[in-house]
């Protein structure tokens, strides 16, 4: 009853799309990111911002996570699935019963979250048995300091950084710094926003492990 009330109050109609992540050397699919798409055409960030202002962020994110878990049932279990959530939602006890066993799950920490002063969030995801990912590394809030504080399993390089580094030396130096920081803590790296062969070659030359972007597949409902 409580879940239904929350859904009626804060959850606009939506569906879940998935975008593949590939191993850069072999270009084989290793997993998918679950992405919410809303019926009103507005961006997920718009809805999340409204939820923050209404003090309903956790309720909205948990509902989207439930939808993503249900939609992911169509994906073979050998593929990892990553979900997006804020630090507040990761702390929710509801998460402990939300993710079924039998699949590798990852949680991509929203770049609007603030890093903790210790490794509490890292311990939390470890206790949940999921991977911790930093999303949009190189954007305004997802800094190298954040990588060092949180010690994520995976660092996803922001699409702007990947695309700009193709022609801008300063952006390439920034990318190299993030990659050096990620490798120093033993994190795997992902290039986001890979849309052209030039982006693929940049990521390969930089030694990035995995890639995600329109070059390999656009977000869409999963189809076997």
N, C-alpha and C. Protein backbone atom coordinates (compact mmCIF):
# COMPACT_ATOMS: atom_id res chain seq x y z
N UNK A 1 0.82 -1.21 0.00
CA UNK A 1 0.00 0.00 0.00
C UNK A 1 0.86 1.26 0.00
N UNK A 2 1.91 1.26 0.84
CA UNK A 2 2.77 2.42 0.90
C UNK A 2 3.48 2.64 -0.43
N UNK A 3 3.99 1.56 -1.05
CA UNK A 3 4.66 1.69 -2.34
C UNK A 3 3.71 2.25 -3.39
N UNK A 4 2.46 1.80 -3.39
CA UNK A 4 1.49 2.29 -4.37
C UNK A 4 1.22 3.77 -4.16
N UNK A 5 1.14 4.18 -2.91
CA UNK A 5 0.90 5.59 -2.62
C UNK A 5 2.06 6.45 -3.10
N UNK A 6 3.28 5.97 -2.87
CA UNK A 6 4.46 6.70 -3.33
C UNK A 6 4.44 6.81 -4.85
N UNK A 7 4.13 5.70 -5.52
CA UNK A 7 4.11 5.70 -6.98
C UNK A 7 3.11 6.71 -7.52
N UNK A 8 1.93 6.77 -6.92
CA UNK A 8 0.91 7.71 -7.40
C UNK A 8 1.36 9.14 -7.16
N UNK A 9 2.10 9.37 -6.09
CA UNK A 9 2.43 10.73 -5.71
C UNK A 9 3.60 11.30 -6.50
N UNK A 10 4.65 10.50 -6.75
CA UNK A 10 5.86 11.10 -7.28
C UNK A 10 6.38 10.45 -8.56
N UNK A 11 5.79 9.36 -9.03
CA UNK A 11 6.40 8.63 -10.14
C UNK A 11 5.64 8.87 -11.44
N UNK A 12 6.19 9.69 -12.34
CA UNK A 12 5.54 9.88 -13.64
C UNK A 12 5.68 8.61 -14.48
N UNK A 13 4.81 8.43 -15.46
CA UNK A 13 4.93 7.27 -16.35
C UNK A 13 6.31 7.25 -17.02
N UNK A 14 6.89 6.07 -17.09
CA UNK A 14 8.24 5.95 -17.64
C UNK A 14 8.46 4.52 -18.12
N UNK A 15 9.53 4.33 -18.86
CA UNK A 15 9.99 3.00 -19.21
C UNK A 15 11.51 2.97 -19.09
N UNK A 16 12.05 1.78 -19.07
CA UNK A 16 13.49 1.61 -18.90
C UNK A 16 14.13 1.20 -20.22
N UNK A 17 15.14 1.96 -20.61
CA UNK A 17 15.95 1.61 -21.76
C UNK A 17 17.32 1.13 -21.27
N UNK A 18 18.00 0.39 -22.11
CA UNK A 18 19.32 -0.12 -21.76
C UNK A 18 20.32 0.26 -22.85
N UNK A 19 21.50 0.69 -22.42
CA UNK A 19 22.58 0.96 -23.36
C UNK A 19 23.75 0.05 -23.05
N UNK A 20 24.28 -0.59 -24.08
CA UNK A 20 25.34 -1.58 -23.86
C UNK A 20 26.67 -0.92 -23.53
N UNK A 21 27.47 -1.67 -22.79
CA UNK A 21 28.88 -1.35 -22.55
C UNK A 21 29.69 -2.47 -23.18
N UNK A 22 30.77 -2.10 -23.86
CA UNK A 22 31.55 -3.11 -24.57
C UNK A 22 33.01 -3.09 -24.12
N UNK A 23 33.64 -4.25 -24.22
CA UNK A 23 35.08 -4.34 -24.03
C UNK A 23 35.75 -3.74 -25.26
N UNK A 24 36.63 -2.76 -25.04
CA UNK A 24 37.13 -1.99 -26.18
C UNK A 24 37.97 -2.81 -27.15
N UNK A 25 38.75 -3.73 -26.63
CA UNK A 25 39.62 -4.50 -27.53
C UNK A 25 38.82 -5.47 -28.39
N UNK A 26 37.89 -6.18 -27.78
CA UNK A 26 37.13 -7.20 -28.52
C UNK A 26 35.81 -6.68 -29.07
N UNK A 27 35.35 -5.53 -28.54
CA UNK A 27 34.05 -4.94 -28.87
C UNK A 27 32.91 -5.91 -28.59
N UNK A 28 33.08 -6.75 -27.60
CA UNK A 28 32.00 -7.63 -27.15
C UNK A 28 31.25 -6.96 -26.00
N UNK A 29 29.94 -7.19 -25.95
CA UNK A 29 29.11 -6.59 -24.91
C UNK A 29 29.38 -7.30 -23.58
N UNK A 30 29.60 -6.48 -22.53
CA UNK A 30 29.84 -7.06 -21.21
C UNK A 30 28.72 -6.69 -20.22
N UNK A 31 27.89 -5.73 -20.58
CA UNK A 31 26.82 -5.34 -19.68
C UNK A 31 26.01 -4.19 -20.24
N UNK A 32 25.08 -3.71 -19.42
CA UNK A 32 24.17 -2.66 -19.84
C UNK A 32 23.95 -1.67 -18.70
N UNK A 33 23.76 -0.41 -19.08
CA UNK A 33 23.31 0.60 -18.13
C UNK A 33 21.81 0.79 -18.30
N UNK A 34 21.07 0.78 -17.19
CA UNK A 34 19.63 1.02 -17.22
C UNK A 34 19.37 2.52 -17.14
N UNK A 35 18.55 3.02 -18.04
CA UNK A 35 18.27 4.45 -18.14
C UNK A 35 16.77 4.68 -18.18
N UNK A 36 16.28 5.60 -17.38
CA UNK A 36 14.85 5.91 -17.35
C UNK A 36 14.50 6.88 -18.48
N UNK A 37 13.38 6.62 -19.13
CA UNK A 37 12.84 7.52 -20.15
C UNK A 37 11.39 7.80 -19.79
N UNK A 38 11.06 9.10 -19.68
CA UNK A 38 9.74 9.50 -19.18
C UNK A 38 8.79 9.81 -20.32
N UNK A 39 7.52 9.48 -20.10
CA UNK A 39 6.50 9.63 -21.15
C UNK A 39 6.28 11.08 -21.54
N UNK A 40 6.55 12.01 -20.61
CA UNK A 40 6.33 13.42 -20.92
C UNK A 40 7.47 14.03 -21.73
N UNK A 41 8.51 13.25 -22.03
CA UNK A 41 9.60 13.74 -22.86
C UNK A 41 10.65 14.54 -22.13
N UNK A 42 10.43 14.81 -20.86
CA UNK A 42 11.41 15.56 -20.09
C UNK A 42 12.55 14.66 -19.65
N UNK A 43 13.69 15.26 -19.38
CA UNK A 43 14.88 14.48 -19.06
C UNK A 43 14.78 13.89 -17.65
N UNK A 44 15.48 12.79 -17.41
CA UNK A 44 15.55 12.26 -16.04
C UNK A 44 16.04 13.30 -15.04
N UNK A 45 17.01 14.12 -15.46
CA UNK A 45 17.55 15.12 -14.53
C UNK A 45 16.48 16.12 -14.11
N UNK A 46 15.59 16.50 -15.03
CA UNK A 46 14.49 17.40 -14.67
C UNK A 46 13.62 16.78 -13.59
N UNK A 47 13.27 15.53 -13.77
CA UNK A 47 12.42 14.86 -12.78
C UNK A 47 13.14 14.67 -11.45
N UNK A 48 14.42 14.36 -11.50
CA UNK A 48 15.18 14.18 -10.26
C UNK A 48 15.32 15.50 -9.52
N UNK A 49 15.53 16.58 -10.26
CA UNK A 49 15.64 17.89 -9.62
C UNK A 49 14.34 18.27 -8.93
N UNK A 50 13.22 18.02 -9.58
CA UNK A 50 11.92 18.27 -8.96
C UNK A 50 11.74 17.43 -7.70
N UNK A 51 12.18 16.19 -7.77
CA UNK A 51 12.06 15.30 -6.61
C UNK A 51 12.90 15.80 -5.44
N UNK A 52 14.08 16.33 -5.74
CA UNK A 52 14.93 16.90 -4.68
C UNK A 52 14.21 18.05 -4.00
N UNK A 53 13.64 18.94 -4.80
CA UNK A 53 12.94 20.10 -4.24
C UNK A 53 11.72 19.70 -3.43
N UNK A 54 11.11 18.57 -3.79
CA UNK A 54 9.93 18.08 -3.06
C UNK A 54 10.32 17.14 -1.93
N UNK A 55 11.63 16.97 -1.71
CA UNK A 55 12.14 16.05 -0.68
C UNK A 55 11.65 14.62 -0.93
N UNK A 56 11.64 14.22 -2.21
CA UNK A 56 11.17 12.89 -2.58
C UNK A 56 12.16 12.16 -3.50
N UNK A 57 13.43 12.56 -3.42
CA UNK A 57 14.43 11.96 -4.31
C UNK A 57 14.55 10.46 -4.10
N UNK A 58 14.65 10.03 -2.85
CA UNK A 58 14.83 8.61 -2.58
C UNK A 58 13.64 7.81 -3.08
N UNK A 59 12.43 8.32 -2.86
CA UNK A 59 11.23 7.62 -3.31
C UNK A 59 11.22 7.46 -4.83
N UNK A 60 11.58 8.54 -5.55
CA UNK A 60 11.61 8.46 -7.00
C UNK A 60 12.68 7.48 -7.48
N UNK A 61 13.87 7.60 -6.92
CA UNK A 61 14.95 6.72 -7.37
C UNK A 61 14.66 5.25 -7.06
N UNK A 62 14.10 4.98 -5.91
CA UNK A 62 13.77 3.58 -5.59
C UNK A 62 12.73 3.03 -6.56
N UNK A 63 11.76 3.85 -6.93
CA UNK A 63 10.75 3.40 -7.90
C UNK A 63 11.39 3.12 -9.26
N UNK A 64 12.32 3.99 -9.68
CA UNK A 64 13.01 3.76 -10.95
C UNK A 64 13.90 2.52 -10.88
N UNK A 65 14.52 2.31 -9.73
CA UNK A 65 15.34 1.10 -9.56
C UNK A 65 14.48 -0.16 -9.65
N UNK A 66 13.30 -0.11 -9.05
CA UNK A 66 12.39 -1.27 -9.14
C UNK A 66 12.04 -1.55 -10.60
N UNK A 67 11.72 -0.49 -11.33
CA UNK A 67 11.38 -0.65 -12.75
C UNK A 67 12.55 -1.25 -13.52
N UNK A 68 13.76 -0.78 -13.22
CA UNK A 68 14.94 -1.26 -13.92
C UNK A 68 15.21 -2.73 -13.62
N UNK A 69 15.05 -3.11 -12.37
CA UNK A 69 15.28 -4.51 -12.00
C UNK A 69 14.29 -5.42 -12.72
N UNK A 70 13.04 -5.00 -12.80
CA UNK A 70 12.02 -5.79 -13.50
C UNK A 70 12.36 -5.89 -14.99
N UNK A 71 12.72 -4.75 -15.60
CA UNK A 71 13.05 -4.75 -17.03
C UNK A 71 14.29 -5.59 -17.31
N UNK A 72 15.23 -5.63 -16.36
CA UNK A 72 16.47 -6.37 -16.55
C UNK A 72 16.27 -7.88 -16.53
N UNK A 73 15.09 -8.33 -16.12
CA UNK A 73 14.82 -9.77 -16.12
C UNK A 73 14.93 -10.35 -17.53
N UNK A 74 14.74 -9.50 -18.55
CA UNK A 74 14.83 -9.97 -19.94
C UNK A 74 16.27 -10.16 -20.40
N UNK A 75 17.23 -9.62 -19.66
CA UNK A 75 18.64 -9.67 -20.05
C UNK A 75 19.27 -10.93 -19.47
N UNK A 76 19.99 -11.70 -20.28
CA UNK A 76 20.65 -12.90 -19.75
C UNK A 76 21.52 -12.57 -18.54
N UNK A 77 21.55 -13.45 -17.55
CA UNK A 77 22.22 -13.13 -16.29
C UNK A 77 23.73 -13.00 -16.39
N UNK A 78 24.33 -13.44 -17.49
CA UNK A 78 25.78 -13.30 -17.61
C UNK A 78 26.21 -11.86 -17.88
N UNK A 79 25.25 -10.99 -18.20
CA UNK A 79 25.57 -9.59 -18.43
C UNK A 79 25.36 -8.78 -17.15
N UNK A 80 26.32 -7.93 -16.84
CA UNK A 80 26.16 -7.01 -15.71
C UNK A 80 25.14 -5.94 -16.07
N UNK A 81 24.48 -5.39 -15.06
CA UNK A 81 23.55 -4.28 -15.25
C UNK A 81 23.88 -3.21 -14.22
N UNK A 82 24.04 -1.98 -14.69
CA UNK A 82 24.30 -0.88 -13.77
C UNK A 82 23.08 0.02 -13.65
N UNK A 83 22.88 0.55 -12.46
CA UNK A 83 21.73 1.37 -12.11
C UNK A 83 22.24 2.71 -11.58
N UNK A 84 21.44 3.75 -11.73
CA UNK A 84 21.84 5.07 -11.27
C UNK A 84 21.14 5.42 -9.96
N UNK A 85 21.90 5.96 -9.01
CA UNK A 85 21.31 6.32 -7.71
C UNK A 85 22.19 7.35 -7.02
N UNK A 86 21.56 8.12 -6.16
CA UNK A 86 22.28 9.07 -5.32
C UNK A 86 22.81 8.37 -4.08
N UNK A 87 23.69 9.05 -3.36
CA UNK A 87 24.22 8.50 -2.11
C UNK A 87 23.10 8.25 -1.11
N UNK A 88 22.09 9.13 -1.10
CA UNK A 88 20.97 8.97 -0.17
C UNK A 88 20.21 7.68 -0.44
N UNK A 89 20.00 7.37 -1.70
CA UNK A 89 19.27 6.15 -2.05
C UNK A 89 20.11 4.91 -1.78
N UNK A 90 21.39 4.99 -2.03
CA UNK A 90 22.27 3.86 -1.73
C UNK A 90 22.22 3.52 -0.25
N UNK A 91 22.02 4.52 0.58
CA UNK A 91 21.92 4.31 2.03
C UNK A 91 20.60 3.68 2.46
N UNK A 92 19.59 3.70 1.59
CA UNK A 92 18.27 3.22 1.98
C UNK A 92 18.28 1.73 2.27
N UNK A 93 17.69 1.30 3.38
CA UNK A 93 17.62 -0.14 3.68
C UNK A 93 16.79 -0.91 2.66
N UNK A 94 15.93 -0.23 1.92
CA UNK A 94 15.12 -0.90 0.90
C UNK A 94 16.00 -1.57 -0.14
N UNK A 95 17.16 -0.97 -0.40
CA UNK A 95 18.04 -1.49 -1.44
C UNK A 95 18.52 -2.90 -1.13
N UNK A 96 18.53 -3.26 0.14
CA UNK A 96 19.04 -4.57 0.55
C UNK A 96 18.19 -5.72 0.03
N UNK A 97 16.93 -5.46 -0.26
CA UNK A 97 16.03 -6.51 -0.75
C UNK A 97 15.60 -6.28 -2.20
N UNK A 98 16.14 -5.24 -2.82
CA UNK A 98 15.68 -4.86 -4.15
C UNK A 98 16.40 -5.61 -5.27
N UNK A 99 17.67 -5.90 -5.08
CA UNK A 99 18.48 -6.47 -6.15
C UNK A 99 18.55 -7.99 -6.03
N UNK A 100 18.02 -8.72 -7.00
CA UNK A 100 18.05 -10.18 -6.94
C UNK A 100 19.46 -10.73 -7.13
N UNK A 101 19.70 -11.91 -6.61
CA UNK A 101 20.98 -12.57 -6.79
C UNK A 101 21.05 -13.19 -8.18
N UNK A 102 22.22 -13.66 -8.56
CA UNK A 102 22.38 -14.33 -9.84
C UNK A 102 22.85 -13.44 -10.96
N UNK A 103 23.12 -12.17 -10.67
CA UNK A 103 23.63 -11.24 -11.67
C UNK A 103 24.59 -10.27 -10.98
N UNK A 104 25.58 -9.79 -11.72
CA UNK A 104 26.45 -8.74 -11.22
C UNK A 104 25.76 -7.40 -11.43
N UNK A 105 25.53 -6.68 -10.34
CA UNK A 105 24.90 -5.37 -10.39
C UNK A 105 25.94 -4.29 -10.08
N UNK A 106 25.74 -3.13 -10.65
CA UNK A 106 26.56 -1.97 -10.33
C UNK A 106 25.68 -0.78 -10.05
N UNK A 107 26.13 0.10 -9.19
CA UNK A 107 25.40 1.34 -8.91
C UNK A 107 26.28 2.51 -9.32
N UNK A 108 25.76 3.31 -10.26
CA UNK A 108 26.46 4.50 -10.72
C UNK A 108 26.04 5.67 -9.85
N UNK A 109 27.00 6.20 -9.12
CA UNK A 109 26.73 7.30 -8.21
C UNK A 109 26.52 8.58 -9.00
N UNK A 110 25.38 9.22 -8.77
CA UNK A 110 25.06 10.45 -9.48
C UNK A 110 26.13 11.50 -9.21
N UNK A 111 26.54 12.22 -10.26
CA UNK A 111 27.62 13.18 -10.08
C UNK A 111 27.18 14.39 -9.27
N UNK A 112 25.88 14.53 -9.04
CA UNK A 112 25.39 15.62 -8.18
C UNK A 112 25.49 15.27 -6.71
N UNK A 113 25.77 13.99 -6.39
CA UNK A 113 25.98 13.62 -5.00
C UNK A 113 27.29 14.22 -4.51
N UNK A 114 27.42 14.28 -3.20
CA UNK A 114 28.65 14.80 -2.61
C UNK A 114 29.45 13.65 -2.03
N UNK A 115 30.77 13.64 -2.26
CA UNK A 115 31.57 12.55 -1.71
C UNK A 115 31.61 12.58 -0.20
N UNK A 116 31.68 11.40 0.40
CA UNK A 116 31.81 11.29 1.84
C UNK A 116 33.26 11.51 2.24
N UNK A 117 33.47 11.85 3.51
CA UNK A 117 34.82 12.10 3.99
C UNK A 117 35.55 10.80 4.32
N UNK A 118 34.85 9.68 4.30
CA UNK A 118 35.49 8.39 4.55
C UNK A 118 35.00 7.39 3.52
N UNK A 119 35.22 6.11 3.77
CA UNK A 119 34.85 5.10 2.78
C UNK A 119 33.51 4.44 3.12
N UNK A 120 32.64 5.15 3.81
CA UNK A 120 31.35 4.57 4.21
C UNK A 120 30.54 4.09 3.01
N UNK A 121 30.48 4.92 1.97
CA UNK A 121 29.70 4.54 0.79
C UNK A 121 30.32 3.32 0.10
N UNK A 122 31.63 3.27 0.09
CA UNK A 122 32.31 2.11 -0.51
C UNK A 122 31.98 0.84 0.28
N UNK A 123 31.98 0.96 1.60
CA UNK A 123 31.64 -0.20 2.43
C UNK A 123 30.19 -0.62 2.22
N UNK A 124 29.32 0.37 2.04
CA UNK A 124 27.91 0.09 1.85
C UNK A 124 27.69 -0.73 0.57
N UNK A 125 28.28 -0.32 -0.53
CA UNK A 125 28.11 -1.07 -1.77
C UNK A 125 28.76 -2.45 -1.67
N UNK A 126 29.86 -2.53 -0.95
CA UNK A 126 30.50 -3.84 -0.75
C UNK A 126 29.57 -4.77 0.02
N UNK A 127 28.93 -4.23 1.06
CA UNK A 127 27.99 -5.04 1.84
C UNK A 127 26.80 -5.49 1.01
N UNK A 128 26.39 -4.65 0.06
CA UNK A 128 25.27 -4.99 -0.82
C UNK A 128 25.69 -6.00 -1.90
N UNK A 129 27.00 -6.17 -2.09
CA UNK A 129 27.48 -7.08 -3.11
C UNK A 129 27.40 -6.52 -4.52
N UNK A 130 27.48 -5.19 -4.64
CA UNK A 130 27.39 -4.55 -5.95
C UNK A 130 28.66 -3.74 -6.21
N UNK A 131 28.90 -3.45 -7.48
CA UNK A 131 30.01 -2.59 -7.86
C UNK A 131 29.63 -1.14 -7.65
N UNK A 132 30.61 -0.32 -7.27
CA UNK A 132 30.41 1.12 -7.17
C UNK A 132 31.07 1.79 -8.37
N UNK A 133 30.28 2.58 -9.09
CA UNK A 133 30.79 3.31 -10.25
C UNK A 133 30.67 4.81 -10.00
N UNK A 134 31.68 5.55 -10.39
CA UNK A 134 31.58 7.01 -10.45
C UNK A 134 31.22 7.37 -11.88
N UNK A 135 30.12 8.08 -12.04
CA UNK A 135 29.62 8.47 -13.35
C UNK A 135 30.13 9.86 -13.71
N UNK A 136 30.29 10.11 -15.00
CA UNK A 136 30.62 11.45 -15.51
C UNK A 136 31.90 12.02 -14.92
N UNK A 137 32.92 11.19 -14.73
CA UNK A 137 34.19 11.68 -14.22
C UNK A 137 34.77 12.72 -15.17
N UNK A 138 35.11 13.88 -14.61
CA UNK A 138 35.58 14.99 -15.42
C UNK A 138 34.55 16.08 -15.56
N UNK A 139 33.32 15.84 -15.06
CA UNK A 139 32.30 16.89 -15.03
C UNK A 139 32.52 17.74 -13.78
N UNK A 140 31.61 18.68 -13.55
CA UNK A 140 31.82 19.69 -12.51
C UNK A 140 32.08 19.10 -11.13
N UNK A 141 31.32 18.08 -10.74
CA UNK A 141 31.41 17.55 -9.38
C UNK A 141 32.22 16.27 -9.27
N UNK A 142 32.32 15.51 -10.34
CA UNK A 142 33.02 14.22 -10.28
C UNK A 142 34.50 14.44 -10.56
N UNK A 143 35.25 14.76 -9.51
CA UNK A 143 36.64 15.15 -9.63
C UNK A 143 37.57 13.98 -9.30
N UNK A 144 38.87 14.21 -9.52
CA UNK A 144 39.85 13.20 -9.13
C UNK A 144 39.85 13.00 -7.62
N UNK A 145 39.56 14.08 -6.88
CA UNK A 145 39.46 13.94 -5.42
C UNK A 145 38.37 12.96 -5.05
N UNK A 146 37.24 13.04 -5.76
CA UNK A 146 36.12 12.13 -5.50
C UNK A 146 36.55 10.69 -5.74
N UNK A 147 37.31 10.47 -6.81
CA UNK A 147 37.80 9.12 -7.10
C UNK A 147 38.67 8.62 -5.95
N UNK A 148 39.55 9.47 -5.46
CA UNK A 148 40.46 9.07 -4.38
C UNK A 148 39.72 8.83 -3.07
N UNK A 149 38.66 9.59 -2.82
CA UNK A 149 37.91 9.44 -1.58
C UNK A 149 37.08 8.16 -1.59
N UNK A 150 36.40 7.90 -2.71
CA UNK A 150 35.42 6.81 -2.75
C UNK A 150 36.01 5.46 -3.18
N UNK A 151 37.16 5.47 -3.84
CA UNK A 151 37.76 4.22 -4.31
C UNK A 151 36.73 3.33 -5.02
N UNK A 152 36.13 3.83 -6.10
CA UNK A 152 35.12 3.03 -6.82
C UNK A 152 35.75 1.84 -7.53
N UNK A 153 34.91 0.90 -7.90
CA UNK A 153 35.36 -0.22 -8.72
C UNK A 153 35.58 0.21 -10.17
N UNK A 154 34.73 1.13 -10.63
CA UNK A 154 34.75 1.56 -12.03
C UNK A 154 34.61 3.08 -12.09
N UNK A 155 35.40 3.70 -12.97
CA UNK A 155 35.30 5.14 -13.21
C UNK A 155 34.87 5.35 -14.66
N UNK A 156 33.73 6.01 -14.85
CA UNK A 156 33.21 6.28 -16.18
C UNK A 156 33.56 7.71 -16.58
N UNK A 157 34.33 7.86 -17.65
CA UNK A 157 34.79 9.16 -18.10
C UNK A 157 33.66 9.91 -18.81
N UNK A 158 33.47 11.15 -18.44
CA UNK A 158 32.39 11.97 -18.98
C UNK A 158 32.50 12.10 -20.50
N UNK A 159 31.36 12.09 -21.15
CA UNK A 159 31.33 12.16 -22.62
C UNK A 159 32.00 13.43 -23.13
N UNK A 160 31.81 14.54 -22.43
CA UNK A 160 32.44 15.80 -22.86
C UNK A 160 33.95 15.65 -22.88
N UNK A 161 34.49 15.01 -21.84
CA UNK A 161 35.93 14.84 -21.75
C UNK A 161 36.45 13.96 -22.88
N UNK A 162 35.75 12.86 -23.14
CA UNK A 162 36.17 11.95 -24.22
C UNK A 162 36.13 12.66 -25.57
N UNK A 163 35.04 13.34 -25.84
CA UNK A 163 34.88 13.95 -27.16
C UNK A 163 35.81 15.14 -27.35
N UNK A 164 35.99 15.95 -26.31
CA UNK A 164 36.86 17.13 -26.42
C UNK A 164 38.33 16.74 -26.50
N UNK A 165 38.70 15.65 -25.83
CA UNK A 165 40.10 15.23 -25.83
C UNK A 165 40.59 14.82 -27.22
N UNK A 166 39.68 14.61 -28.13
CA UNK A 166 40.08 14.25 -29.50
C UNK A 166 40.79 15.40 -30.20
N UNK A 167 40.51 16.64 -29.78
CA UNK A 167 41.11 17.78 -30.48
C UNK A 167 41.71 18.82 -29.55
N UNK A 168 41.54 18.67 -28.24
CA UNK A 168 41.99 19.69 -27.29
C UNK A 168 43.04 19.10 -26.34
N UNK A 169 44.23 19.67 -26.35
CA UNK A 169 45.33 19.11 -25.55
C UNK A 169 45.06 19.20 -24.06
N UNK A 170 44.42 20.29 -23.62
CA UNK A 170 44.13 20.44 -22.19
C UNK A 170 43.15 19.37 -21.72
N UNK A 171 42.14 19.10 -22.54
CA UNK A 171 41.18 18.05 -22.20
C UNK A 171 41.86 16.68 -22.18
N UNK A 172 42.79 16.47 -23.09
CA UNK A 172 43.50 15.19 -23.12
C UNK A 172 44.35 15.02 -21.86
N UNK A 173 44.97 16.10 -21.40
CA UNK A 173 45.74 16.03 -20.16
C UNK A 173 44.83 15.73 -18.97
N UNK A 174 43.65 16.34 -18.97
CA UNK A 174 42.68 16.07 -17.90
C UNK A 174 42.24 14.61 -17.92
N UNK A 175 42.00 14.09 -19.12
CA UNK A 175 41.63 12.68 -19.26
C UNK A 175 42.75 11.78 -18.73
N UNK A 176 43.98 12.09 -19.10
CA UNK A 176 45.12 11.29 -18.63
C UNK A 176 45.22 11.32 -17.11
N UNK A 177 44.93 12.46 -16.50
CA UNK A 177 44.99 12.58 -15.04
C UNK A 177 43.94 11.68 -14.39
N UNK A 178 42.73 11.68 -14.94
CA UNK A 178 41.68 10.81 -14.41
C UNK A 178 42.04 9.34 -14.56
N UNK A 179 42.59 8.99 -15.71
CA UNK A 179 42.97 7.59 -15.93
C UNK A 179 44.09 7.18 -14.98
N UNK A 180 45.05 8.05 -14.77
CA UNK A 180 46.14 7.76 -13.84
C UNK A 180 45.59 7.57 -12.43
N UNK A 181 44.64 8.43 -12.03
CA UNK A 181 44.04 8.33 -10.69
C UNK A 181 43.27 7.03 -10.55
N UNK A 182 42.49 6.68 -11.58
CA UNK A 182 41.70 5.45 -11.53
C UNK A 182 42.61 4.22 -11.43
N UNK A 183 43.65 4.21 -12.22
CA UNK A 183 44.55 3.05 -12.21
C UNK A 183 45.29 2.92 -10.89
N UNK A 184 45.58 4.06 -10.26
CA UNK A 184 46.31 4.04 -8.99
C UNK A 184 45.52 3.34 -7.89
N UNK A 185 44.19 3.36 -8.00
CA UNK A 185 43.36 2.70 -6.98
C UNK A 185 42.83 1.35 -7.48
N UNK A 186 43.27 0.95 -8.67
CA UNK A 186 42.86 -0.34 -9.21
C UNK A 186 41.48 -0.36 -9.83
N UNK A 187 40.97 0.80 -10.23
CA UNK A 187 39.62 0.88 -10.82
C UNK A 187 39.66 0.59 -12.32
N UNK A 188 38.61 -0.03 -12.80
CA UNK A 188 38.39 -0.21 -14.23
C UNK A 188 37.85 1.09 -14.81
N UNK A 189 38.12 1.35 -16.10
CA UNK A 189 37.69 2.61 -16.71
C UNK A 189 36.75 2.37 -17.89
N UNK A 190 35.82 3.31 -18.05
CA UNK A 190 34.84 3.26 -19.14
C UNK A 190 34.81 4.62 -19.82
N UNK A 191 34.84 4.65 -21.14
CA UNK A 191 34.66 5.88 -21.91
C UNK A 191 33.18 6.03 -22.25
N UNK A 192 32.58 7.15 -21.84
CA UNK A 192 31.19 7.43 -22.20
C UNK A 192 31.15 8.34 -23.43
N UNK A 193 30.01 8.36 -24.09
CA UNK A 193 29.84 9.25 -25.22
C UNK A 193 30.66 8.88 -26.44
N UNK A 194 30.95 7.59 -26.60
CA UNK A 194 31.73 7.14 -27.76
C UNK A 194 30.79 7.04 -28.95
N UNK A 195 30.90 7.99 -29.86
CA UNK A 195 29.94 8.10 -30.95
C UNK A 195 30.57 7.92 -32.34
N UNK A 196 31.87 8.06 -32.43
CA UNK A 196 32.54 7.96 -33.73
C UNK A 196 33.75 7.05 -33.62
N UNK A 197 34.29 6.67 -34.78
CA UNK A 197 35.51 5.86 -34.79
C UNK A 197 36.67 6.62 -34.16
N UNK A 198 36.67 7.94 -34.31
CA UNK A 198 37.72 8.75 -33.68
C UNK A 198 37.67 8.62 -32.16
N UNK A 199 36.46 8.61 -31.59
CA UNK A 199 36.32 8.43 -30.15
C UNK A 199 36.82 7.05 -29.73
N UNK A 200 36.52 6.04 -30.55
CA UNK A 200 36.97 4.68 -30.25
C UNK A 200 38.50 4.63 -30.21
N UNK A 201 39.13 5.23 -31.22
CA UNK A 201 40.59 5.19 -31.28
C UNK A 201 41.22 5.96 -30.14
N UNK A 202 40.63 7.09 -29.76
CA UNK A 202 41.14 7.84 -28.61
C UNK A 202 41.10 6.98 -27.36
N UNK A 203 39.96 6.33 -27.13
CA UNK A 203 39.80 5.52 -25.92
C UNK A 203 40.78 4.35 -25.92
N UNK A 204 40.96 3.72 -27.06
CA UNK A 204 41.90 2.60 -27.14
C UNK A 204 43.34 3.06 -26.88
N UNK A 205 43.70 4.16 -27.52
CA UNK A 205 45.07 4.67 -27.36
C UNK A 205 45.33 5.06 -25.91
N UNK A 206 44.30 5.59 -25.24
CA UNK A 206 44.45 6.00 -23.85
C UNK A 206 44.48 4.82 -22.89
N UNK A 207 44.15 3.63 -23.40
CA UNK A 207 44.17 2.44 -22.56
C UNK A 207 42.93 2.26 -21.71
N UNK A 208 41.81 2.86 -22.13
CA UNK A 208 40.55 2.70 -21.42
C UNK A 208 40.02 1.29 -21.65
N UNK A 209 39.42 0.72 -20.62
CA UNK A 209 39.02 -0.69 -20.67
C UNK A 209 37.74 -0.94 -21.47
N UNK A 210 36.71 -0.14 -21.21
CA UNK A 210 35.39 -0.37 -21.80
C UNK A 210 34.85 0.92 -22.40
N UNK A 211 33.81 0.80 -23.21
CA UNK A 211 33.23 1.97 -23.85
C UNK A 211 31.72 1.84 -23.92
N UNK A 212 31.08 3.00 -24.00
CA UNK A 212 29.62 3.09 -24.08
C UNK A 212 29.29 4.30 -24.93
N UNK A 213 28.34 4.16 -25.83
CA UNK A 213 27.95 5.30 -26.65
C UNK A 213 27.25 4.85 -27.92
N UNK A 214 26.79 5.82 -28.69
CA UNK A 214 25.99 5.53 -29.88
C UNK A 214 26.75 4.71 -30.91
N UNK A 215 28.08 4.78 -30.91
CA UNK A 215 28.86 3.98 -31.87
C UNK A 215 28.56 2.50 -31.70
N UNK A 216 28.26 2.09 -30.48
CA UNK A 216 28.01 0.67 -30.19
C UNK A 216 26.52 0.36 -30.00
N UNK A 217 25.73 1.36 -29.71
CA UNK A 217 24.30 1.13 -29.54
C UNK A 217 23.63 2.25 -28.77
N UNK A 218 22.47 2.64 -29.23
CA UNK A 218 21.70 3.69 -28.54
C UNK A 218 20.84 3.06 -27.45
N UNK A 219 20.49 3.84 -26.44
CA UNK A 219 19.58 3.32 -25.41
C UNK A 219 18.25 2.90 -26.04
N UNK A 220 17.75 1.75 -25.63
CA UNK A 220 16.49 1.23 -26.16
C UNK A 220 15.99 0.14 -25.23
N UNK A 221 14.68 -0.17 -25.28
CA UNK A 221 14.21 -1.34 -24.53
C UNK A 221 15.00 -2.57 -24.95
N UNK A 222 15.29 -3.44 -24.00
CA UNK A 222 16.12 -4.60 -24.32
C UNK A 222 15.38 -5.55 -25.26
N UNK A 223 16.11 -5.98 -26.29
CA UNK A 223 15.58 -6.98 -27.22
C UNK A 223 16.68 -8.00 -27.46
N UNK A 224 16.37 -9.26 -27.22
CA UNK A 224 17.37 -10.33 -27.38
C UNK A 224 17.81 -10.46 -28.83
